[in-house]
Structure formats: structure tokens, C-alpha cells
Protein backbone atom coordinates (compact mmCIF):
# COMPACT_ATOMS: atom_id res chain seq x y z
CA UNK A 1 -42.27 -8.13 28.31
CA UNK A 2 -42.86 -11.38 27.15
CA UNK A 3 -43.25 -11.93 23.56
CA UNK A 4 -46.71 -13.19 21.58
CA UNK A 5 -47.13 -16.85 20.38
CA UNK A 6 -47.28 -17.59 16.89
CA UNK A 7 -50.03 -20.35 16.08
CA UNK A 8 -49.32 -23.16 13.57
CA UNK A 9 -46.94 -22.47 10.37
CA UNK A 10 -49.03 -23.48 7.33
CA UNK A 11 -46.88 -23.82 3.95
CA UNK A 12 -48.39 -22.54 1.35
CA UNK A 13 -46.61 -23.99 -2.27
CA UNK A 14 -46.74 -23.25 -5.72
CA UNK A 15 -48.83 -25.36 -7.96
CA UNK A 16 -48.58 -25.01 -12.03
CA UNK A 17 -51.88 -27.30 -11.93
CA UNK A 18 -54.18 -27.30 -9.16
CA UNK A 19 -56.13 -29.87 -10.35
CA UNK A 20 -53.36 -32.52 -10.78
CA UNK A 21 -51.91 -31.10 -7.56
CA UNK A 22 -54.64 -31.47 -5.25
CA UNK A 23 -55.20 -35.23 -7.00
CA UNK A 24 -51.22 -36.62 -5.81
CA UNK A 25 -51.85 -35.08 -2.36
CA UNK A 26 -55.39 -36.84 -2.01
CA UNK A 27 -54.89 -39.81 -3.85
CA UNK A 28 -51.18 -40.75 -3.12
CA UNK A 29 -50.18 -38.76 -0.13
CA UNK A 30 -53.23 -39.27 1.89
CA UNK A 31 -54.55 -35.92 2.52
CA UNK A 32 -57.86 -34.82 2.23
CA UNK A 33 -58.17 -31.75 -0.35
CA UNK A 34 -60.42 -28.61 -1.56
CA UNK A 35 -59.98 -25.85 -3.73
CA UNK A 36 -61.28 -22.46 -4.36
CA UNK A 37 -61.76 -19.79 -6.41
CA UNK A 38 -61.53 -21.92 -9.68
CA UNK A 39 -58.86 -23.75 -8.81
CA UNK A 40 -56.87 -20.83 -7.92
CA UNK A 41 -56.35 -21.55 -4.65
CA UNK A 42 -56.08 -25.38 -2.75
CA UNK A 43 -55.84 -26.47 0.43
CA UNK A 44 -54.78 -30.31 1.62
CA UNK A 45 -55.46 -31.74 5.27
CA UNK A 46 -54.08 -34.85 6.97
CA UNK A 47 -54.55 -35.22 10.64
CA UNK A 48 -52.36 -32.10 12.17
CA UNK A 49 -50.81 -31.20 8.82
CA UNK A 50 -51.91 -28.75 6.62
CA UNK A 51 -50.73 -27.50 2.82
CA UNK A 52 -51.99 -24.85 0.89
CA UNK A 53 -51.45 -24.39 -2.33
CA UNK A 54 -51.44 -21.19 -5.02
CA UNK A 55 -51.91 -21.37 -8.59
CA UNK A 56 -48.47 -20.00 -10.12
CA UNK A 57 -47.48 -20.89 -13.33
CA UNK A 58 -43.35 -20.58 -13.08
CA UNK A 59 -41.99 -24.06 -12.61
CA UNK A 60 -38.92 -22.33 -11.53
CA UNK A 61 -40.58 -21.29 -8.34
CA UNK A 62 -42.48 -24.42 -7.45
CA UNK A 63 -38.90 -26.59 -8.41
CA UNK A 64 -36.81 -24.17 -6.31
CA UNK A 65 -39.42 -24.23 -2.85
CA UNK A 66 -39.42 -26.92 0.11
CA UNK A 67 -41.41 -28.28 3.07
CA UNK A 68 -40.62 -30.38 6.09
CA UNK A 69 -43.25 -32.50 7.65
CA UNK A 70 -42.05 -34.09 10.69
CA UNK A 71 -43.64 -37.76 11.15
CA UNK A 72 -43.96 -40.19 14.53
CA UNK A 73 -43.03 -43.53 12.12
CA UNK A 74 -41.15 -42.75 8.76
CA UNK A 75 -40.60 -46.24 8.51
CA UNK A 76 -44.55 -46.64 8.46
CA UNK A 77 -44.81 -43.41 6.09
CA UNK A 78 -42.39 -45.54 3.85
CA UNK A 79 -44.19 -48.68 3.62
CA UNK A 80 -47.45 -46.53 2.69
CA UNK A 81 -45.60 -44.75 0.10
CA UNK A 82 -44.00 -46.80 -1.61
CA UNK A 83 -46.60 -48.75 -3.87
CA UNK A 84 -47.95 -45.93 -4.62
CA UNK A 85 -44.40 -43.68 -5.56
CA UNK A 86 -42.43 -47.02 -7.50
CA UNK A 87 -39.50 -44.74 -7.75
CA UNK A 88 -39.40 -43.86 -4.00
CA UNK A 89 -36.09 -44.05 -2.38
CA UNK A 90 -35.15 -45.55 1.14
CA UNK A 91 -35.27 -43.55 4.44
CA UNK A 92 -32.06 -41.69 4.67
CA UNK A 93 -30.53 -41.21 7.94
CA UNK A 94 -28.97 -37.52 8.44
CA UNK A 95 -25.67 -35.86 9.89
CA UNK A 96 -27.92 -33.83 12.21
CA UNK A 97 -30.06 -36.63 13.74
CA UNK A 98 -33.05 -37.08 11.72
CA UNK A 99 -34.54 -40.02 9.32
CA UNK A 100 -35.73 -38.24 6.05
CA UNK A 101 -37.99 -39.53 3.19
CA UNK A 102 -38.16 -37.24 0.14
CA UNK A 103 -40.91 -36.85 -1.88
CA UNK A 104 -40.80 -34.75 -5.17
CA UNK A 105 -44.25 -33.78 -6.12
CA UNK A 106 -45.85 -33.02 -9.90
CA UNK A 107 -45.00 -29.54 -9.75
CA UNK A 108 -41.46 -29.97 -8.33
CA UNK A 109 -42.17 -29.05 -4.77
CA UNK A 110 -40.08 -31.05 -2.52
CA UNK A 111 -41.97 -32.02 0.71
CA UNK A 112 -39.22 -33.68 3.30
CA UNK A 113 -40.47 -36.41 5.87
CA UNK A 114 -38.57 -36.47 8.90
CA UNK A 115 -38.27 -38.12 12.07
CA UNK A 116 -35.67 -37.91 15.11
CA UNK A 117 -33.24 -40.71 15.25
CA UNK A 118 -33.53 -43.21 16.77
CA UNK A 119 -30.38 -44.27 19.17
CA UNK A 120 -29.50 -47.87 18.81
């Protein structure tokens, strides 16, 4: 018996202020955004990446949530985001073979961008 295949996974992150959240993902991270139900639910799409947001009033939830986005060119992502996020740190090479970049959104969600490390 074969296992049924799953579709694409879409993270649903907490938003303490949906307008602010969608502004950040749209204006800073370059996603197309939309909201529903009087800002109770939001979506952000960039290429094949889709994130959803639910209105939440508990910052502890957002501050303990993260999302991992695989990218093809971590250096290009860093170049794009650096002017918009002056406190952005350098790309980090991990022990598990990934080059990663970390962004904390205005709600406290940790967004990790990662690319397999290039062997030198």
C-alpha cells in the first residue's frame, strides 16, 4: 500500500497586528499580501513561498514560533534585505551544512532563510 502524498506545507504564524505584519512582509520582505475577515487572517506570497497569519493577542506564541524558508541564493537574499533591515546579521554557516540568515518579524516570529552550504 502506498502512502498518500501531501501537498505543500504552509506555515500559519501569529500576528499581533495584522496590518503591521502584512506591511512588513510586503514592504520589507517583498511578498504580495492580502487580508480577510477584517484583518483576522492574512496571507503573504512570494514565488512558490506562501505564509499565512492569524490574529493573535498573545505575544508569547509569536515569540516562540519560527518558519524555515529554503532559498536558492542566500547571498542575494542578504543583499536584498540588508538595506531594509539595518540590524541584519551576516549569513551563518551551520554545523548541519546550511548557510542561514535570521529575521525576526515585528510580532516576534523567527524567519530562517537557508541554503545548502556550497563546498569549497
